[in-house]
Amino acid sequence: MEKSLTERELYGKYISILLRLRRNEMGYTQAELEEKAGLARTTISNIERCIRIPESYTLSKIAIALGISLDRLNEEVWENIEKHKDNHSSAFKHLYSDLYYRGD
């Protein structure tokens, strides 16, 4: 039986996947994005592996470095949470397959 995730955990999962997809689209390594955003080493890795959920300041710096507005990024996360509210596992598999299909 699948464990039900809290809304905060869902947010963390979706933000991690969407940031990684965007980073890959931009052609940045984790280290390059950290440098461009002025973040400490391992910050991006920890976010992408769902070890930490970024606070608004960190997320804002990442969004600026990726050329996307913080509003748009959050909109994408909440759209995914709502769209897949009955089957997040399937959505995660689909998004992860996008990552691997694109070569990450």
PDB file of N, CA and C in Angstrom:
ATOM      1  N   MET A   1       0.842  -1.189   0.000  1.00  0.00           N
ATOM      2  CA  MET A   1       0.000   0.000   0.000  1.00  0.00           C
ATOM      3  C   MET A   1       0.885   1.249   0.000  1.00  0.00           C
ATOM      4  N   GLU A   2       0.564   2.182  -0.845  1.00  0.00           N
ATOM      5  CA  GLU A   2       1.357   3.404  -0.995  1.00  0.00           C
ATOM      6  C   GLU A   2       1.095   4.379   0.151  1.00  0.00           C
ATOM      7  N   LYS A   3       2.183   4.923   0.708  1.00  0.00           N
ATOM      8  CA  LYS A   3       2.080   5.915   1.780  1.00  0.00           C
ATOM      9  C   LYS A   3       1.534   7.210   1.192  1.00  0.00           C
ATOM     10  N   SER A   4       0.591   7.781   1.885  1.00  0.00           N
ATOM     11  CA  SER A   4       0.024   9.058   1.462  1.00  0.00           C
ATOM     12  C   SER A   4       0.968  10.190   1.870  1.00  0.00           C
ATOM     13  N   LEU A   5       1.308  11.041   0.930  1.00  0.00           N
ATOM     14  CA  LEU A   5       2.213  12.153   1.200  1.00  0.00           C
ATOM     15  C   LEU A   5       1.434  13.371   1.679  1.00  0.00           C
ATOM     16  N   THR A   6       2.054  14.135   2.562  1.00  0.00           N
ATOM     17  CA  THR A   6       1.449  15.394   2.992  1.00  0.00           C
ATOM     18  C   THR A   6       1.552  16.395   1.843  1.00  0.00           C
ATOM     19  N   GLU A   7       0.795  17.461   1.939  1.00  0.00           N
ATOM     20  CA  GLU A   7       0.859  18.507   0.914  1.00  0.00           C
ATOM     21  C   GLU A   7       2.276  19.078   0.813  1.00  0.00           C
ATOM     22  N   ARG A   8       2.946  19.249   1.947  1.00  0.00           N
ATOM     23  CA  ARG A   8       4.325  19.750   1.964  1.00  0.00           C
ATOM     24  C   ARG A   8       5.264  18.776   1.249  1.00  0.00           C
ATOM     25  N   GLU A   9       5.090  17.483   1.495  1.00  0.00           N
ATOM     26  CA  GLU A   9       5.926  16.479   0.826  1.00  0.00           C
ATOM     27  C   GLU A   9       5.664  16.463  -0.677  1.00  0.00           C
ATOM     28  N   LEU A  10       4.402  16.595  -1.063  1.00  0.00           N
ATOM     29  CA  LEU A  10       4.071  16.665  -2.489  1.00  0.00           C
ATOM     30  C   LEU A  10       4.717  17.885  -3.133  1.00  0.00           C
ATOM     31  N   TYR A  11       4.633  19.018  -2.462  1.00  0.00           N
ATOM     32  CA  TYR A  11       5.260  20.239  -2.968  1.00  0.00           C
ATOM     33  C   TYR A  11       6.757  19.998  -3.172  1.00  0.00           C
ATOM     34  N   GLY A  12       7.403  19.408  -2.182  1.00  0.00           N
ATOM     35  CA  GLY A  12       8.835  19.128  -2.271  1.00  0.00           C
ATOM     36  C   GLY A  12       9.180  18.220  -3.435  1.00  0.00           C
ATOM     37  N   LYS A  13       8.370  17.181  -3.648  1.00  0.00           N
ATOM     38  CA  LYS A  13       8.616  16.250  -4.755  1.00  0.00           C
ATOM     39  C   LYS A  13       8.482  16.958  -6.097  1.00  0.00           C
ATOM     40  N   TYR A  14       7.378  17.679  -6.264  1.00  0.00           N
ATOM     41  CA  TYR A  14       7.157  18.350  -7.545  1.00  0.00           C
ATOM     42  C   TYR A  14       8.182  19.454  -7.793  1.00  0.00           C
ATOM     43  N   ILE A  15       8.515  20.217  -6.777  1.00  0.00           N
ATOM     44  CA  ILE A  15       9.495  21.293  -6.979  1.00  0.00           C
ATOM     45  C   ILE A  15      10.844  20.690  -7.355  1.00  0.00           C
ATOM     46  N   SER A  16      11.204  19.579  -6.740  1.00  0.00           N
ATOM     47  CA  SER A  16      12.495  18.955  -7.046  1.00  0.00           C
ATOM     48  C   SER A  16      12.554  18.496  -8.499  1.00  0.00           C
ATOM     49  N   ILE A  17      11.480  17.879  -8.956  1.00  0.00           N
ATOM     50  CA  ILE A  17      11.444  17.374 -10.331  1.00  0.00           C
ATOM     51  C   ILE A  17      11.415  18.527 -11.334  1.00  0.00           C
ATOM     52  N   LEU A  18      10.566  19.515 -11.084  1.00  0.00           N
ATOM     53  CA  LEU A  18      10.444  20.630 -12.031  1.00  0.00           C
ATOM     54  C   LEU A  18      11.717  21.470 -12.104  1.00  0.00           C
ATOM     55  N   LEU A  19      12.383  21.663 -10.972  1.00  0.00           N
ATOM     56  CA  LEU A  19      13.656  22.399 -10.998  1.00  0.00           C
ATOM     57  C   LEU A  19      14.711  21.626 -11.780  1.00  0.00           C
ATOM     58  N   ARG A  20      14.737  20.318 -11.573  1.00  0.00           N
ATOM     59  CA  ARG A  20      15.716  19.507 -12.299  1.00  0.00           C
ATOM     60  C   ARG A  20      15.444  19.525 -13.801  1.00  0.00           C
ATOM     61  N   LEU A  21      14.182  19.411 -14.180  1.00  0.00           N
ATOM     62  CA  LEU A  21      13.842  19.487 -15.601  1.00  0.00           C
ATOM     63  C   LEU A  21      14.285  20.822 -16.195  1.00  0.00           C
ATOM     64  N   ARG A  22      13.984  21.902 -15.507  1.00  0.00           N
ATOM     65  CA  ARG A  22      14.355  23.243 -15.989  1.00  0.00           C
ATOM     66  C   ARG A  22      15.871  23.403 -16.058  1.00  0.00           C
ATOM     67  N   ARG A  23      16.571  22.911 -15.028  1.00  0.00           N
ATOM     68  CA  ARG A  23      18.042  22.992 -15.014  1.00  0.00           C
ATOM     69  C   ARG A  23      18.613  22.252 -16.221  1.00  0.00           C
ATOM     70  N   ASN A  24      18.080  21.066 -16.488  1.00  0.00           N
ATOM     71  CA  ASN A  24      18.551  20.296 -17.637  1.00  0.00           C
ATOM     72  C   ASN A  24      18.264  21.008 -18.953  1.00  0.00           C
ATOM     73  N   GLU A  25      17.065  21.602 -19.062  1.00  0.00           N
ATOM     74  CA  GLU A  25      16.719  22.358 -20.273  1.00  0.00           C
ATOM     75  C   GLU A  25      17.696  23.501 -20.512  1.00  0.00           C
ATOM     76  N   MET A  26      18.147  24.131 -19.434  1.00  0.00           N
ATOM     77  CA  MET A  26      19.081  25.254 -19.528  1.00  0.00           C
ATOM     78  C   MET A  26      20.522  24.781 -19.740  1.00  0.00           C
ATOM     79  N   GLY A  27      20.771  23.487 -19.561  1.00  0.00           N
ATOM     80  CA  GLY A  27      22.106  22.937 -19.769  1.00  0.00           C
ATOM     81  C   GLY A  27      23.069  23.162 -18.616  1.00  0.00           C
ATOM     82  N   TYR A  28      22.540  23.411 -17.424  1.00  0.00           N
ATOM     83  CA  TYR A  28      23.390  23.656 -16.254  1.00  0.00           C
ATOM     84  C   TYR A  28      23.639  22.380 -15.467  1.00  0.00           C
ATOM     85  N   THR A  29      24.843  22.259 -14.941  1.00  0.00           N
ATOM     86  CA  THR A  29      25.098  21.245 -13.926  1.00  0.00           C
ATOM     87  C   THR A  29      24.575  21.803 -12.606  1.00  0.00           C
ATOM     88  N   GLN A  30      24.508  20.951 -11.607  1.00  0.00           N
ATOM     89  CA  GLN A  30      24.089  21.432 -10.288  1.00  0.00           C
ATOM     90  C   GLN A  30      25.047  22.513  -9.792  1.00  0.00           C
ATOM     91  N   ALA A  31      26.334  22.278  -9.960  1.00  0.00           N
ATOM     92  CA  ALA A  31      27.338  23.247  -9.494  1.00  0.00           C
ATOM     93  C   ALA A  31      27.208  24.578 -10.228  1.00  0.00           C
ATOM     94  N   GLU A  32      26.960  24.530 -11.533  1.00  0.00           N
ATOM     95  CA  GLU A  32      26.802  25.768 -12.300  1.00  0.00           C
ATOM     96  C   GLU A  32      25.578  26.558 -11.830  1.00  0.00           C
ATOM     97  N   LEU A  33      24.491  25.848 -11.563  1.00  0.00           N
ATOM     98  CA  LEU A  33      23.289  26.534 -11.092  1.00  0.00           C
ATOM     99  C   LEU A  33      23.508  27.123  -9.700  1.00  0.00           C
ATOM    100  N   GLU A  34      24.183  26.389  -8.834  1.00  0.00           N
ATOM    101  CA  GLU A  34      24.491  26.910  -7.494  1.00  0.00           C
ATOM    102  C   GLU A  34      25.313  28.185  -7.588  1.00  0.00           C
ATOM    103  N   GLU A  35      26.309  28.167  -8.468  1.00  0.00           N
ATOM    104  CA  GLU A  35      27.157  29.351  -8.638  1.00  0.00           C
ATOM    105  C   GLU A  35      26.343  30.518  -9.202  1.00  0.00           C
ATOM    106  N   LYS A  36      25.560  30.246 -10.232  1.00  0.00           N
ATOM    107  CA  LYS A  36      24.760  31.297 -10.867  1.00  0.00           C
ATOM    108  C   LYS A  36      23.750  31.896  -9.879  1.00  0.00           C
ATOM    109  N   ALA A  37      23.204  31.059  -9.000  1.00  0.00           N
ATOM    110  CA  ALA A  37      22.207  31.522  -8.031  1.00  0.00           C
ATOM    111  C   ALA A  37      22.834  32.035  -6.739  1.00  0.00           C
ATOM    112  N   GLY A  38      24.161  31.855  -6.594  1.00  0.00           N
ATOM    113  CA  GLY A  38      24.832  32.300  -5.377  1.00  0.00           C
ATOM    114  C   GLY A  38      24.494  31.453  -4.165  1.00  0.00           C
ATOM    115  N   LEU A  39      24.366  30.152  -4.390  1.00  0.00           N
ATOM    116  CA  LEU A  39      23.998  29.235  -3.313  1.00  0.00           C
ATOM    117  C   LEU A  39      25.176  28.371  -2.886  1.00  0.00           C
ATOM    118  N   ALA A  40      25.076  27.856  -1.694  1.00  0.00           N
ATOM    119  CA  ALA A  40      26.122  26.981  -1.157  1.00  0.00           C
ATOM    120  C   ALA A  40      26.163  25.662  -1.927  1.00  0.00           C
ATOM    121  N   ARG A  41      27.354  25.062  -1.935  1.00  0.00           N
ATOM    122  CA  ARG A  41      27.553  23.768  -2.583  1.00  0.00           C
ATOM    123  C   ARG A  41      26.593  22.744  -1.976  1.00  0.00           C
ATOM    124  N   THR A  42      26.075  21.891  -2.747  1.00  0.00           N
ATOM    125  CA  THR A  42      25.122  20.809  -2.427  1.00  0.00           C
ATOM    126  C   THR A  42      23.674  21.271  -2.242  1.00  0.00           C
ATOM    127  N   THR A  43      23.412  22.558  -2.325  1.00  0.00           N
ATOM    128  CA  THR A  43      22.031  23.031  -2.156  1.00  0.00           C
ATOM    129  C   THR A  43      21.107  22.423  -3.209  1.00  0.00           C
ATOM    130  N   ILE A  44      21.500  22.506  -4.469  1.00  0.00           N
ATOM    131  CA  ILE A  44      20.660  22.003  -5.559  1.00  0.00           C
ATOM    132  C   ILE A  44      20.505  20.492  -5.450  1.00  0.00           C
ATOM    133  N   SER A  45      21.581  19.796  -5.176  1.00  0.00           N
ATOM    134  CA  SER A  45      21.514  18.344  -5.012  1.00  0.00           C
ATOM    135  C   SER A  45      20.522  17.958  -3.921  1.00  0.00           C
ATOM    136  N   ASN A  46      20.591  18.644  -2.795  1.00  0.00           N
ATOM    137  CA  ASN A  46      19.682  18.333  -1.687  1.00  0.00           C
ATOM    138  C   ASN A  46      18.226  18.604  -2.045  1.00  0.00           C
ATOM    139  N   ILE A  47      17.988  19.636  -2.822  1.00  0.00           N
ATOM    140  CA  ILE A  47      16.619  19.939  -3.250  1.00  0.00           C
ATOM    141  C   ILE A  47      16.153  18.894  -4.256  1.00  0.00           C
ATOM    142  N   GLU A  48      16.993  18.585  -5.239  1.00  0.00           N
ATOM    143  CA  GLU A  48      16.605  17.635  -6.279  1.00  0.00           C
ATOM    144  C   GLU A  48      16.415  16.223  -5.743  1.00  0.00           C
ATOM    145  N   ARG A  49      17.072  15.887  -4.649  1.00  0.00           N
ATOM    146  CA  ARG A  49      16.908  14.562  -4.039  1.00  0.00           C
ATOM    147  C   ARG A  49      15.861  14.568  -2.925  1.00  0.00           C
ATOM    148  N   CYS A  50      15.133  15.658  -2.802  1.00  0.00           N
ATOM    149  CA  CYS A  50      14.071  15.812  -1.798  1.00  0.00           C
ATOM    150  C   CYS A  50      14.584  15.689  -0.371  1.00  0.00           C
ATOM    151  N   ILE A  51      15.837  16.041  -0.163  1.00  0.00           N
ATOM    152  CA  ILE A  51      16.383  16.061   1.188  1.00  0.00           C
ATOM    153  C   ILE A  51      15.924  17.329   1.892  1.00  0.00           C
ATOM    154  N   ARG A  52      15.765  18.386   1.114  1.00  0.00           N
ATOM    155  CA  ARG A  52      15.250  19.633   1.688  1.00  0.00           C
ATOM    156  C   ARG A  52      14.314  20.316   0.709  1.00  0.00           C
ATOM    157  N   ILE A  53      13.347  21.004   1.279  1.00  0.00           N
ATOM    158  CA  ILE A  53      12.412  21.808   0.493  1.00  0.00           C
ATOM    159  C   ILE A  53      12.906  23.243   0.603  1.00  0.00           C
ATOM    160  N   PRO A  54      13.145  23.894  -0.524  1.00  0.00           N
ATOM    161  CA  PRO A  54      13.707  25.248  -0.457  1.00  0.00           C
ATOM    162  C   PRO A  54      12.739  26.265   0.136  1.00  0.00           C
ATOM    163  N   GLU A  55      13.291  27.163   0.923  1.00  0.00           N
ATOM    164  CA  GLU A  55      12.498  28.277   1.436  1.00  0.00           C
ATOM    165  C   GLU A  55      12.361  29.307   0.318  1.00  0.00           C
ATOM    166  N   SER A  56      11.488  30.270   0.501  1.00  0.00           N
ATOM    167  CA  SER A  56      11.170  31.208  -0.582  1.00  0.00           C
ATOM    168  C   SER A  56      12.385  31.987  -1.082  1.00  0.00           C
ATOM    169  N   TYR A  57      13.290  32.380  -0.190  1.00  0.00           N
ATOM    170  CA  TYR A  57      14.479  33.134  -0.608  1.00  0.00           C
ATOM    171  C   TYR A  57      15.344  32.291  -1.544  1.00  0.00           C
ATOM    172  N   THR A  58      15.605  31.051  -1.143  1.00  0.00           N
ATOM    173  CA  THR A  58      16.419  30.146  -1.964  1.00  0.00           C
ATOM    174  C   THR A  58      15.714  29.856  -3.283  1.00  0.00           C
ATOM    175  N   LEU A  59      14.431  29.572  -3.214  1.00  0.00           N
ATOM    176  CA  LEU A  59      13.669  29.275  -4.419  1.00  0.00           C
ATOM    177  C   LEU A  59      13.652  30.464  -5.375  1.00  0.00           C
ATOM    178  N   SER A  60      13.564  31.643  -4.832  1.00  0.00           N
ATOM    179  CA  SER A  60      13.592  32.852  -5.648  1.00  0.00           C
ATOM    180  C   SER A  60      14.926  32.988  -6.372  1.00  0.00           C
ATOM    181  N   LYS A  61      16.028  32.735  -5.675  1.00  0.00           N
ATOM    182  CA  LYS A  61      17.354  32.819  -6.302  1.00  0.00           C
ATOM    183  C   LYS A  61      17.502  31.783  -7.414  1.00  0.00           C
ATOM    184  N   ILE A  62      16.979  30.591  -7.180  1.00  0.00           N
ATOM    185  CA  ILE A  62      17.048  29.533  -8.193  1.00  0.00           C
ATOM    186  C   ILE A  62      16.195  29.911  -9.401  1.00  0.00           C
ATOM    187  N   ALA A  63      14.993  30.383  -9.162  1.00  0.00           N
ATOM    188  CA  ALA A  63      14.096  30.762 -10.258  1.00  0.00           C
ATOM    189  C   ALA A  63      14.722  31.850 -11.126  1.00  0.00           C
ATOM    190  N   ILE A  64      15.313  32.856 -10.502  1.00  0.00           N
ATOM    191  CA  ILE A  64      15.971  33.928 -11.256  1.00  0.00           C
ATOM    192  C   ILE A  64      17.104  33.357 -12.104  1.00  0.00           C
ATOM    193  N   ALA A  65      17.911  32.481 -11.522  1.00  0.00           N
ATOM    194  CA  ALA A  65      19.034  31.878 -12.248  1.00  0.00           C
ATOM    195  C   ALA A  65      18.551  31.029 -13.422  1.00  0.00           C
ATOM    196  N   LEU A  66      17.358  30.459 -13.293  1.00  0.00           N
ATOM    197  CA  LEU A  66      16.804  29.624 -14.360  1.00  0.00           C
ATOM    198  C   LEU A  66      15.938  30.410 -15.342  1.00  0.00           C
ATOM    199  N   GLY A  67      15.780  31.708 -15.089  1.00  0.00           N
ATOM    200  CA  GLY A  67      15.009  32.538 -16.006  1.00  0.00           C
ATOM    201  C   GLY A  67      13.512  32.279 -15.974  1.00  0.00           C
ATOM    202  N   ILE A  68      13.004  31.897 -14.825  1.00  0.00           N
ATOM    203  CA  ILE A  68      11.571  31.666 -14.674  1.00  0.00           C
ATOM    204  C   ILE A  68      11.099  32.447 -13.457  1.00  0.00           C
ATOM    205  N   SER A  69       9.903  32.970 -13.511  1.00  0.00           N
ATOM    206  CA  SER A  69       9.415  33.715 -12.351  1.00  0.00           C
ATOM    207  C   SER A  69       9.036  32.747 -11.233  1.00  0.00           C
ATOM    208  N   LEU A  70       9.190  33.202 -10.029  1.00  0.00           N
ATOM    209  CA  LEU A  70       8.824  32.398  -8.870  1.00  0.00           C
ATOM    210  C   LEU A  70       7.330  32.080  -8.908  1.00  0.00           C
ATOM    211  N   ASP A  71       6.534  33.036  -9.344  1.00  0.00           N
ATOM    212  CA  ASP A  71       5.092  32.801  -9.463  1.00  0.00           C
ATOM    213  C   ASP A  71       4.800  31.671 -10.438  1.00  0.00           C
ATOM    214  N   ARG A  72       5.462  31.704 -11.589  1.00  0.00           N
ATOM    215  CA  ARG A  72       5.231  30.662 -12.603  1.00  0.00           C
ATOM    216  C   ARG A  72       5.672  29.299 -12.092  1.00  0.00           C
ATOM    217  N   LEU A  73       6.809  29.243 -11.431  1.00  0.00           N
ATOM    218  CA  LEU A  73       7.310  27.983 -10.892  1.00  0.00           C
ATOM    219  C   LEU A  73       6.316  27.406  -9.885  1.00  0.00           C
ATOM    220  N   ASN A  74       5.863  28.230  -8.958  1.00  0.00           N
ATOM    221  CA  ASN A  74       4.886  27.766  -7.971  1.00  0.00           C
ATOM    222  C   ASN A  74       3.571  27.372  -8.632  1.00  0.00           C
ATOM    223  N   GLU A  75       3.189  28.109  -9.646  1.00  0.00           N
ATOM    224  CA  GLU A  75       1.969  27.785 -10.387  1.00  0.00           C
ATOM    225  C   GLU A  75       2.069  26.384 -10.990  1.00  0.00           C
ATOM    226  N   GLU A  76       3.228  26.067 -11.590  1.00  0.00           N
ATOM    227  CA  GLU A  76       3.438  24.741 -12.171  1.00  0.00           C
ATOM    228  C   GLU A  76       3.354  23.654 -11.113  1.00  0.00           C
ATOM    229  N   VAL A  77       3.947  23.902  -9.949  1.00  0.00           N
ATOM    230  CA  VAL A  77       3.912  22.915  -8.868  1.00  0.00           C
ATOM    231  C   VAL A  77       2.468  22.660  -8.444  1.00  0.00           C
ATOM    232  N   TRP A  78       1.728  23.727  -8.154  1.00  0.00           N
ATOM    233  CA  TRP A  78       0.351  23.562  -7.671  1.00  0.00           C
ATOM    234  C   TRP A  78      -0.564  23.003  -8.753  1.00  0.00           C
ATOM    235  N   GLU A  79      -0.309  23.331 -10.013  1.00  0.00           N
ATOM    236  CA  GLU A  79      -1.089  22.734 -11.103  1.00  0.00           C
ATOM    237  C   GLU A  79      -0.890  21.228 -11.127  1.00  0.00           C
ATOM    238  N   ASN A  80       0.359  20.783 -10.962  1.00  0.00           N
ATOM    239  CA  ASN A  80       0.646  19.351 -10.948  1.00  0.00           C
ATOM    240  C   ASN A  80       0.027  18.663  -9.745  1.00  0.00           C
ATOM    241  N   ILE A  81       0.100  19.288  -8.589  1.00  0.00           N
ATOM    242  CA  ILE A  81      -0.499  18.697  -7.390  1.00  0.00           C
ATOM    243  C   ILE A  81      -2.004  18.514  -7.597  1.00  0.00           C
ATOM    244  N   GLU A  82      -2.658  19.542  -8.114  1.00  0.00           N
ATOM    245  CA  GLU A  82      -4.108  19.465  -8.336  1.00  0.00           C
ATOM    246  C   GLU A  82      -4.460  18.481  -9.451  1.00  0.00           C
ATOM    247  N   LYS A  83      -3.735  18.557 -10.542  1.00  0.00           N
ATOM    248  CA  LYS A  83      -4.011  17.718 -11.709  1.00  0.00           C
ATOM    249  C   LYS A  83      -3.880  16.235 -11.388  1.00  0.00           C
ATOM    250  N   HIS A  84      -2.916  15.894 -10.547  1.00  0.00           N
ATOM    251  CA  HIS A  84      -2.622  14.490 -10.264  1.00  0.00           C
ATOM    252  C   HIS A  84      -3.037  14.074  -8.859  1.00  0.00           C
ATOM    253  N   LYS A  85      -3.992  14.789  -8.275  1.00  0.00           N
ATOM    254  CA  LYS A  85      -4.334  14.551  -6.869  1.00  0.00           C
ATOM    255  C   LYS A  85      -4.768  13.118  -6.596  1.00  0.00           C
ATOM    256  N   ASP A  86      -5.272  12.421  -7.593  1.00  0.00           N
ATOM    257  CA  ASP A  86      -5.709  11.045  -7.384  1.00  0.00           C
ATOM    258  C   ASP A  86      -4.633  10.013  -7.694  1.00  0.00           C
ATOM    259  N   ASN A  87      -3.539  10.435  -8.313  1.00  0.00           N
ATOM    260  CA  ASN A  87      -2.505   9.462  -8.671  1.00  0.00           C
ATOM    261  C   ASN A  87      -1.147  10.141  -8.826  1.00  0.00           C
ATOM    262  N   HIS A  88      -0.565  10.552  -7.725  1.00  0.00           N
ATOM    263  CA  HIS A  88       0.739  11.214  -7.776  1.00  0.00           C
ATOM    264  C   HIS A  88       1.847  10.260  -8.214  1.00  0.00           C
ATOM    265  N   SER A  89       1.745   8.983  -7.848  1.00  0.00           N
ATOM    266  CA  SER A  89       2.781   8.017  -8.237  1.00  0.00           C
ATOM    267  C   SER A  89       2.950   7.974  -9.742  1.00  0.00           C
ATOM    268  N   SER A  90       1.848   7.936 -10.452  1.00  0.00           N
ATOM    269  CA  SER A  90       1.893   7.912 -11.909  1.00  0.00           C
ATOM    270  C   SER A  90       2.520   9.193 -12.456  1.00  0.00           C
ATOM    271  N   ALA A  91       2.168  10.326 -11.862  1.00  0.00           N
ATOM    272  CA  ALA A  91       2.733  11.608 -12.303  1.00  0.00           C
ATOM    273  C   ALA A  91       4.233  11.649 -12.070  1.00  0.00           C
ATOM    274  N   PHE A  92       4.684  11.156 -10.903  1.00  0.00           N
ATOM    275  CA  PHE A  92       6.118  11.147 -10.608  1.00  0.00           C
ATOM    276  C   PHE A  92       6.859  10.276 -11.621  1.00  0.00           C
ATOM    277  N   LYS A  93       6.302   9.109 -11.919  1.00  0.00           N
ATOM    278  CA  LYS A  93       6.936   8.211 -12.896  1.00  0.00           C
ATOM    279  C   LYS A  93       7.053   8.896 -14.252  1.00  0.00           C
ATOM    280  N   HIS A  94       5.987   9.574 -14.654  1.00  0.00           N
ATOM    281  CA  HIS A  94       5.993  10.276 -15.942  1.00  0.00           C
ATOM    282  C   HIS A  94       7.045  11.386 -15.955  1.00  0.00           C
ATOM    283  N   LEU A  95       7.095  12.192 -14.900  1.00  0.00           N
ATOM    284  CA  LEU A  95       8.068  13.287 -14.843  1.00  0.00           C
ATOM    285  C   LEU A  95       9.493  12.755 -14.768  1.00  0.00           C
ATOM    286  N   TYR A  96       9.698  11.681 -13.990  1.00  0.00           N
ATOM    287  CA  TYR A  96      11.036  11.092 -13.915  1.00  0.00           C
ATOM    288  C   TYR A  96      11.449  10.512 -15.264  1.00  0.00           C
ATOM    289  N   SER A  97      10.492   9.930 -15.994  1.00  0.00           N
ATOM    290  CA  SER A  97      10.844   9.400 -17.313  1.00  0.00           C
ATOM    291  C   SER A  97      11.249  10.533 -18.246  1.00  0.00           C
ATOM    292  N   ASP A  98      10.635  11.710 -18.091  1.00  0.00           N
ATOM    293  CA  ASP A  98      11.062  12.882 -18.862  1.00  0.00           C
ATOM    294  C   ASP A  98      12.517  13.218 -18.571  1.00  0.00           C
ATOM    295  N   LEU A  99      12.908  13.115 -17.304  1.00  0.00           N
ATOM    296  CA  LEU A  99      14.294  13.406 -16.922  1.00  0.00           C
ATOM    297  C   LEU A  99      15.254  12.444 -17.604  1.00  0.00           C
ATOM    298  N   TYR A 100      14.937  11.159 -17.540  1.00  0.00           N
ATOM    299  CA  TYR A 100      15.844  10.165 -18.099  1.00  0.00           C
ATOM    300  C   TYR A 100      15.823  10.176 -19.616  1.00  0.00           C
ATOM    301  N   TYR A 101      14.665  10.464 -20.201  1.00  0.00           N
ATOM    302  CA  TYR A 101      14.566  10.559 -21.647  1.00  0.00           C
ATOM    303  C   TYR A 101      15.435  11.697 -22.168  1.00  0.00           C
ATOM    304  N   ARG A 102      15.524  12.761 -21.382  1.00  0.00           N
ATOM    305  CA  ARG A 102      16.312  13.930 -21.785  1.00  0.00           C
ATOM    306  C   ARG A 102      17.787  13.775 -21.447  1.00  0.00           C
ATOM    307  N   GLY A 103      18.151  12.641 -20.843  1.00  0.00           N
ATOM    308  CA  GLY A 103      19.567  12.364 -20.659  1.00  0.00           C
ATOM    309  C   GLY A 103      20.157  12.681 -19.314  1.00  0.00           C
ATOM    310  N   ASP A 104      19.370  12.811 -18.265  1.00  0.00           N
ATOM    311  CA  ASP A 104      19.936  13.084 -16.941  1.00  0.00           C
ATOM    312  C   ASP A 104      19.833  11.868 -16.061  1.00  0.00           C
TER     313      ASP A 104
END
